[in-house]
Amino acid sequence: MNPYITSVLLFGLGLGTTITFASSHWLLAWMGLEINTLAIIPLMAQHHHPRAIEATTKYFLTQATAAATLLFASMTNAWLTGQWDIQQMVHPVPATMITLALSLKIGLAPLHTWLPEVLQGLDLTTGLILSTWQKLAPFALLLQLPVHNQTTLILLALASTLVGGWGGLNQTQLRKILAYSSIAHLGWMVLILQFAPSLTLLALLTYFIMTFSAFLTFKLNNSTTINALATSWAKTPPITAMAPLILLSLGGLPPLTGFAPKWLILQELTKQSLPLTATLAAMTALLSLYFYLRLSYAITLTMSPNNLTGTTPWRLPSLQLSLPLSAATMMALLLLPLTPAITALLSNP
């Protein structure tokens, strides 16, 4: 793709998200979401492959449905209450509709089915943008919504953690596994959204760091399936050693960064007298941990039978940038001791 076109599209992504961040009016927020969607579609379809075009079409249709529902719900709210302000979404019917529309936009279960299919059809770079940046604008709106439907959000969140763990068990494609991982993490974020928004931001931040690191690792190794991971030892030995730790951080094991949000979310849920919800969420996290362990096993404890020990591509200079990967990897592994400082930073108004 022409660099000028790529620059314009990336600017469009930033502009759409910024407009949604800055808006207090539903029409402006909807406009930002639409700019965001229209900017990423050419990036998704840039590889003229039937699978990429299929994924782009599916993404466009789901996002258009969500945007139409959001616009309809905001108009209904304006008709019932005379208010277009995001903070004034007081009527329960449009509030529930908006929650479901935003859930469809980010891929919460049971409105998740488009996400693994779309991510599977994209290259890893565009998949990374879809898994991280595209979540920001809908989350900004979810955070601003007045709390009316606690039960709806908790049910959506628990369904997401369950589906995100269960759906990834039988997958061999790394992009689908990362999609189900995304669904599970979104469930954790939405679970605590109405009780402690700062913890949602912490979970979102750590998820971005870990996912960025995982996507860049697979991109550097040019791996899209579990079988392809077996050859990574000959390509990049240091990254092969670090990759299991990144994956276990995504799974939420101590003493890695990914443990911090899960730990604090479970603590907050017990404070809110929701021990059963906390127990269910913790149990579903074990499902996700299983497929992260599968990937770790494939990277570290298996060897490709057709790869000679003499072939050492890691001796050749790599043309890919490694600084973003190294920075993200260090943050994905070592930020747990800084948890009190980060939570204090995010809690300040």
Protein backbone atom coordinates (compact mmCIF):
# COMPACT_ATOMS: atom_id res chain seq x y z
CA MET A 1 0.00 0.00 0.00
CA ASN A 2 1.17 3.54 -0.78
CA PRO A 3 2.76 5.13 2.33
CA TYR A 4 0.66 8.29 1.90
CA ILE A 5 -2.56 6.25 1.88
CA THR A 6 -1.39 4.27 4.93
CA SER A 7 -0.63 7.55 6.74
CA VAL A 8 -4.09 8.95 5.92
CA LEU A 9 -5.79 5.75 7.13
CA LEU A 10 -3.78 5.68 10.38
CA PHE A 11 -4.62 9.36 10.89
CA GLY A 12 -8.29 8.45 10.35
CA LEU A 13 -8.01 5.75 13.03
CA GLY A 14 -6.56 8.26 15.47
CA LEU A 15 -9.08 10.95 14.55
CA GLY A 16 -12.10 8.65 14.95
CA THR A 17 -10.98 7.49 18.40
CA THR A 18 -10.15 11.05 19.49
CA ILE A 19 -13.57 12.36 18.39
CA THR A 20 -15.29 9.62 20.42
CA PHE A 21 -13.07 10.36 23.43
CA ALA A 22 -13.83 14.07 23.28
CA SER A 23 -17.58 13.84 22.64
CA SER A 24 -20.38 14.26 25.14
CA HIS A 25 -23.09 14.04 22.45
CA TRP A 26 -24.23 10.68 21.09
CA LEU A 27 -24.24 11.86 17.47
CA LEU A 28 -20.60 12.96 17.67
CA ALA A 29 -19.62 9.71 19.43
CA TRP A 30 -21.34 7.71 16.67
CA MET A 31 -19.50 9.78 14.06
CA GLY A 32 -16.14 8.97 15.68
CA LEU A 33 -16.94 5.25 15.69
CA GLU A 34 -17.89 5.39 12.00
CA ILE A 35 -14.65 7.19 11.03
CA ASN A 36 -12.77 4.53 12.98
CA THR A 37 -14.50 1.68 11.14
CA LEU A 38 -14.11 3.23 7.68
CA ALA A 39 -10.40 3.91 8.30
CA ILE A 40 -9.52 0.31 9.21
CA ILE A 41 -11.47 -1.37 6.38
CA PRO A 42 -8.90 -0.57 3.61
CA LEU A 43 -6.11 -1.74 5.94
CA MET A 44 -7.93 -5.05 6.40
CA ALA A 45 -8.53 -5.53 2.68
CA GLN A 46 -5.06 -4.42 1.50
CA HIS A 47 -4.00 -8.04 0.81
CA HIS A 48 -6.19 -8.99 -2.14
CA HIS A 49 -6.94 -12.45 -0.86
CA PRO A 50 -10.44 -13.97 -0.67
CA ARG A 51 -10.01 -14.67 3.06
CA ALA A 52 -9.06 -11.05 3.77
CA ILE A 53 -11.98 -9.71 1.73
CA GLU A 54 -14.35 -12.09 3.54
CA ALA A 55 -13.03 -10.95 6.92
CA THR A 56 -13.38 -7.29 5.91
CA THR A 57 -16.98 -7.83 4.75
CA LYS A 58 -17.90 -9.60 8.01
CA TYR A 59 -16.28 -6.83 10.05
CA PHE A 60 -18.04 -4.08 8.08
CA LEU A 61 -21.47 -5.72 8.46
CA THR A 62 -21.14 -6.31 12.22
CA GLN A 63 -19.79 -2.80 12.86
CA ALA A 64 -22.54 -1.27 10.71
CA THR A 65 -25.16 -3.23 12.67
CA ALA A 66 -23.69 -2.09 15.99
CA ALA A 67 -23.47 1.54 14.84
CA ALA A 68 -27.07 1.50 13.55
CA THR A 69 -28.27 0.02 16.88
CA LEU A 70 -26.30 2.66 18.80
CA LEU A 71 -27.78 5.48 16.72
CA PHE A 72 -31.29 4.05 17.09
CA ALA A 73 -30.87 3.70 20.87
CA SER A 74 -29.56 7.25 21.27
CA MET A 75 -32.44 8.60 19.18
CA THR A 76 -34.89 6.60 21.32
CA ASN A 77 -33.33 8.08 24.44
CA ALA A 78 -33.61 11.59 22.96
CA TRP A 79 -37.26 10.93 22.09
CA LEU A 80 -38.09 9.60 25.58
CA THR A 81 -36.06 12.02 27.71
CA GLY A 82 -35.13 14.93 25.42
CA GLN A 83 -31.43 14.34 26.13
CA TRP A 84 -28.60 13.63 23.65
CA ASP A 85 -25.90 13.76 26.32
CA ILE A 86 -23.94 10.54 26.96
CA GLN A 87 -24.12 11.05 30.72
CA GLN A 88 -27.93 11.41 30.54
CA MET A 89 -28.70 7.91 29.24
CA VAL A 90 -31.25 7.44 32.02
CA HIS A 91 -33.98 5.33 30.41
CA PRO A 92 -33.34 1.57 30.90
CA VAL A 93 -34.47 0.47 27.40
CA PRO A 94 -32.07 2.62 25.29
CA ALA A 95 -29.34 2.12 27.93
CA THR A 96 -29.57 -1.68 27.50
CA MET A 97 -29.63 -1.33 23.71
CA ILE A 98 -26.52 0.87 23.76
CA THR A 99 -24.73 -1.60 26.06
CA LEU A 100 -25.49 -4.45 23.64
CA ALA A 101 -24.43 -2.36 20.61
CA LEU A 102 -21.07 -1.52 22.23
CA SER A 103 -20.69 -5.18 23.25
CA LEU A 104 -21.13 -6.15 19.60
CA LYS A 105 -18.54 -3.54 18.60
CA ILE A 106 -15.83 -4.90 20.91
CA GLY A 107 -16.83 -8.57 20.65
CA LEU A 108 -18.28 -9.52 24.04
CA ALA A 109 -20.02 -12.91 24.23
CA PRO A 110 -22.65 -13.86 23.12
CA LEU A 111 -22.08 -11.22 20.39
CA HIS A 112 -18.53 -12.44 19.79
CA THR A 113 -18.82 -14.84 16.85
CA TRP A 114 -17.49 -12.37 14.27
CA LEU A 115 -14.19 -11.70 16.09
CA PRO A 116 -12.30 -15.03 15.61
CA GLU A 117 -13.46 -15.27 11.98
CA VAL A 118 -12.39 -11.71 11.17
CA LEU A 119 -9.05 -11.94 12.97
CA GLN A 120 -8.24 -15.21 11.18
CA GLY A 121 -8.51 -13.48 7.80
CA LEU A 122 -6.11 -10.63 8.63
CA ASP A 123 -2.34 -10.33 8.74
CA LEU A 124 -0.79 -10.02 12.20
CA THR A 125 -0.19 -6.24 12.03
CA THR A 126 -3.80 -5.35 11.17
CA GLY A 127 -4.96 -8.01 13.63
CA LEU A 128 -2.98 -6.23 16.34
CA ILE A 129 -4.70 -2.90 15.52
CA LEU A 130 -8.09 -4.62 15.60
CA SER A 131 -7.33 -6.31 18.95
CA THR A 132 -6.04 -3.16 20.68
CA TRP A 133 -6.75 0.27 19.18
CA GLN A 134 -10.26 -0.55 17.96
CA LYS A 135 -11.34 -1.36 21.53
CA LEU A 136 -10.55 2.11 22.87
CA ALA A 137 -13.50 4.15 21.52
CA PRO A 138 -16.29 1.70 22.56
CA PHE A 139 -14.68 1.34 26.00
CA ALA A 140 -14.63 5.12 26.42
CA LEU A 141 -18.40 5.11 25.85
CA LEU A 142 -19.00 2.13 28.15
CA LEU A 143 -17.09 3.90 30.92
CA GLN A 144 -19.27 7.01 30.56
CA LEU A 145 -22.62 5.22 30.64
CA PRO A 146 -24.58 5.65 33.89
CA VAL A 147 -24.89 2.35 35.76
CA HIS A 148 -28.41 0.95 35.35
CA ASN A 149 -28.03 -2.62 34.23
CA GLN A 150 -25.52 -4.24 36.56
CA THR A 151 -26.90 -7.75 35.96
CA THR A 152 -26.68 -7.39 32.16
CA LEU A 153 -23.02 -6.38 32.31
CA ILE A 154 -22.10 -9.15 34.77
CA LEU A 155 -23.84 -11.78 32.62
CA LEU A 156 -22.10 -10.51 29.46
CA ALA A 157 -18.77 -10.50 31.27
CA LEU A 158 -19.10 -14.03 32.71
CA ALA A 159 -20.28 -15.35 29.32
CA SER A 160 -17.21 -13.74 27.72
CA THR A 161 -14.73 -15.25 30.18
CA LEU A 162 -16.34 -18.66 29.70
CA VAL A 163 -16.55 -18.48 25.88
CA GLY A 164 -13.05 -16.97 25.65
CA GLY A 165 -11.63 -19.93 27.56
CA TRP A 166 -13.77 -22.66 26.04
CA GLY A 167 -13.56 -21.45 22.43
CA GLY A 168 -9.77 -21.41 22.41
CA LEU A 169 -9.33 -25.00 23.60
CA ASN A 170 -9.78 -26.66 20.21
CA GLN A 171 -7.93 -24.14 18.02
CA THR A 172 -4.69 -24.60 16.09
CA GLN A 173 -4.63 -21.16 14.44
CA LEU A 174 -2.78 -18.58 16.52
CA ARG A 175 -4.95 -15.67 15.37
CA LYS A 176 -8.13 -17.45 16.49
CA ILE A 177 -6.51 -18.30 19.82
CA LEU A 178 -5.59 -14.62 20.28
CA ALA A 179 -9.18 -13.66 19.37
CA TYR A 180 -10.62 -15.94 22.07
CA SER A 181 -7.98 -14.61 24.46
CA SER A 182 -9.24 -11.10 23.63
CA ILE A 183 -12.85 -12.13 24.37
CA ALA A 184 -11.84 -13.58 27.76
CA HIS A 185 -9.87 -10.45 28.73
CA LEU A 186 -12.75 -8.20 27.67
CA GLY A 187 -14.97 -10.23 30.01
CA TRP A 188 -12.67 -9.44 32.95
CA MET A 189 -12.66 -5.74 32.06
CA VAL A 190 -16.45 -5.46 31.79
CA LEU A 191 -16.93 -7.51 34.98
CA ILE A 192 -15.42 -4.75 37.11
CA LEU A 193 -16.52 -1.80 34.94
CA GLN A 194 -19.38 -0.61 37.15
CA PHE A 195 -17.60 -1.13 40.49
CA ALA A 196 -14.06 0.18 39.86
CA PRO A 197 -13.49 1.84 36.46
CA SER A 198 -9.81 2.37 37.30
CA LEU A 199 -9.36 -1.42 37.44
CA THR A 200 -10.98 -1.68 33.99
CA LEU A 201 -8.38 0.79 32.70
CA LEU A 202 -5.60 -1.19 34.40
CA ALA A 203 -6.83 -4.44 32.83
CA LEU A 204 -7.14 -2.75 29.42
CA LEU A 205 -3.61 -1.30 29.67
CA THR A 206 -1.99 -4.59 30.69
CA TYR A 207 -3.98 -6.46 28.01
CA PHE A 208 -2.69 -4.03 25.36
CA ILE A 209 0.92 -4.49 26.48
CA MET A 210 0.73 -8.31 26.58
CA THR A 211 -1.17 -8.61 23.29
CA PHE A 212 1.25 -6.21 21.58
CA SER A 213 4.13 -8.38 22.76
CA ALA A 214 2.44 -11.66 21.68
CA PHE A 215 1.49 -10.39 18.20
CA LEU A 216 4.99 -8.99 17.55
CA THR A 217 6.57 -12.27 18.68
CA PHE A 218 4.46 -14.30 16.23
CA LYS A 219 5.12 -11.70 13.51
CA LEU A 220 8.89 -11.89 14.02
CA ASN A 221 8.76 -15.70 13.79
CA ASN A 222 6.27 -15.53 10.90
CA SER A 223 4.06 -18.04 12.76
CA THR A 224 0.32 -18.33 12.26
CA THR A 225 -0.28 -21.92 13.48
CA ILE A 226 0.78 -23.91 16.53
CA ASN A 227 2.88 -26.23 14.33
CA ALA A 228 4.86 -23.28 12.97
CA LEU A 229 5.92 -22.39 16.52
CA ALA A 230 8.11 -25.49 16.65
CA THR A 231 10.58 -23.89 14.22
CA SER A 232 10.96 -20.67 16.19
CA TRP A 233 13.99 -21.95 18.16
CA ALA A 234 16.10 -21.87 14.98
CA LYS A 235 14.91 -18.39 14.02
CA THR A 236 15.14 -16.41 17.26
CA PRO A 237 16.39 -18.31 20.34
CA PRO A 238 16.06 -15.39 22.82
CA ILE A 239 12.46 -14.69 21.80
CA THR A 240 11.70 -18.41 21.93
CA ALA A 241 12.83 -18.35 25.55
CA MET A 242 10.71 -15.30 26.38
CA ALA A 243 7.53 -16.23 24.46
CA PRO A 244 6.19 -18.76 27.03
CA LEU A 245 6.52 -16.11 29.75
CA ILE A 246 4.55 -13.63 27.62
CA LEU A 247 1.82 -16.24 27.10
CA LEU A 248 1.72 -17.15 30.80
CA SER A 249 1.46 -13.44 31.58
CA LEU A 250 -1.59 -13.34 29.29
CA GLY A 251 -2.92 -16.28 31.30
CA GLY A 252 -2.49 -14.28 34.52
CA LEU A 253 0.15 -16.26 36.40
CA PRO A 254 2.20 -14.62 39.17
CA PRO A 255 4.78 -13.07 39.33
CA LEU A 256 4.11 -11.73 35.81
CA THR A 257 2.28 -8.49 34.87
CA GLY A 258 -0.93 -10.25 33.79
CA PHE A 259 -1.55 -11.39 37.37
CA ALA A 260 -2.11 -7.82 38.66
CA PRO A 261 -5.50 -7.02 37.04
CA LYS A 262 -6.98 -10.46 37.80
CA TRP A 263 -5.84 -10.29 41.40
CA LEU A 264 -7.25 -6.79 41.97
CA ILE A 265 -10.51 -7.55 40.12
CA LEU A 266 -11.14 -10.67 42.24
CA GLN A 267 -10.36 -8.65 45.37
CA GLU A 268 -12.80 -5.90 44.37
CA LEU A 269 -15.55 -8.41 43.52
CA THR A 270 -15.28 -9.97 46.98
CA LYS A 271 -15.46 -6.45 48.50
CA GLN A 272 -18.69 -5.90 46.54
CA SER A 273 -20.18 -9.07 48.11
CA LEU A 274 -20.01 -11.03 44.84
CA PRO A 275 -17.97 -14.10 45.88
CA LEU A 276 -19.83 -16.45 43.50
CA THR A 277 -19.13 -14.18 40.51
CA ALA A 278 -15.46 -13.95 41.51
CA THR A 279 -15.22 -17.75 41.84
CA LEU A 280 -16.81 -18.32 38.43
CA ALA A 281 -14.47 -15.81 36.79
CA ALA A 282 -11.43 -17.42 38.43
CA MET A 283 -12.53 -20.89 37.29
CA THR A 284 -13.01 -19.75 33.69
CA ALA A 285 -9.49 -18.26 33.76
CA LEU A 286 -8.19 -21.85 34.10
CA LEU A 287 -9.64 -22.67 30.67
CA SER A 288 -7.67 -19.84 29.09
CA LEU A 289 -4.56 -20.91 30.96
CA TYR A 290 -4.80 -24.37 29.38
CA PHE A 291 -4.43 -23.14 25.81
CA TYR A 292 -1.66 -20.69 26.79
CA LEU A 293 0.18 -23.70 28.24
CA ARG A 294 -0.41 -25.56 24.96
CA LEU A 295 1.27 -22.74 23.06
CA SER A 296 4.14 -22.61 25.56
CA TYR A 297 4.65 -26.35 25.14
CA ALA A 298 4.65 -26.01 21.35
CA ILE A 299 7.30 -23.27 21.48
CA THR A 300 9.72 -24.67 24.06
CA LEU A 301 9.35 -28.44 24.21
CA THR A 302 8.83 -29.44 20.58
CA MET A 303 11.20 -29.44 17.65
CA SER A 304 10.35 -29.44 13.98
CA PRO A 305 11.43 -32.79 12.42
CA ASN A 306 12.51 -31.16 9.15
CA ASN A 307 14.72 -28.49 10.66
CA LEU A 308 18.43 -29.35 10.77
CA THR A 309 20.48 -28.27 13.76
CA GLY A 310 22.90 -26.61 11.35
CA THR A 311 20.28 -24.19 10.02
CA THR A 312 20.55 -21.12 12.22
CA PRO A 313 18.69 -18.20 10.65
CA TRP A 314 19.15 -16.22 13.87
CA ARG A 315 22.73 -15.51 12.76
CA LEU A 316 21.39 -13.48 9.85
CA PRO A 317 20.47 -9.82 10.47
CA SER A 318 16.72 -9.29 10.86
CA LEU A 319 15.03 -6.50 8.94
CA GLN A 320 12.19 -6.22 11.44
CA LEU A 321 12.16 -3.68 14.26
CA SER A 322 12.89 -5.37 17.57
CA LEU A 323 12.82 -2.37 19.94
CA PRO A 324 8.98 -2.24 20.28
CA LEU A 325 8.94 -5.99 20.94
CA SER A 326 11.69 -5.83 23.58
CA ALA A 327 10.03 -2.89 25.37
CA ALA A 328 6.59 -4.56 25.33
CA THR A 329 8.05 -7.89 26.48
CA MET A 330 9.79 -6.32 29.47
CA MET A 331 6.57 -4.54 30.46
CA ALA A 332 4.53 -7.74 29.97
CA LEU A 333 6.83 -9.58 32.37
CA LEU A 334 8.04 -7.12 34.99
CA LEU A 335 5.33 -4.57 35.86
CA LEU A 336 3.75 -6.47 38.78
CA PRO A 337 5.83 -4.70 41.51
CA LEU A 338 4.64 -1.33 40.13
CA THR A 339 0.94 -2.25 40.50
CA PRO A 340 0.27 0.11 43.48
CA ALA A 341 1.81 3.06 41.59
CA ILE A 342 -0.13 2.29 38.40
CA THR A 343 -3.46 1.90 40.23
CA ALA A 344 -2.86 5.18 42.10
CA LEU A 345 -2.11 6.89 38.77
CA LEU A 346 -5.27 5.54 37.12
CA SER A 347 -7.48 6.27 40.15
CA ASN A 348 -6.62 9.99 40.21
CA PRO A 349 -9.27 12.10 38.42
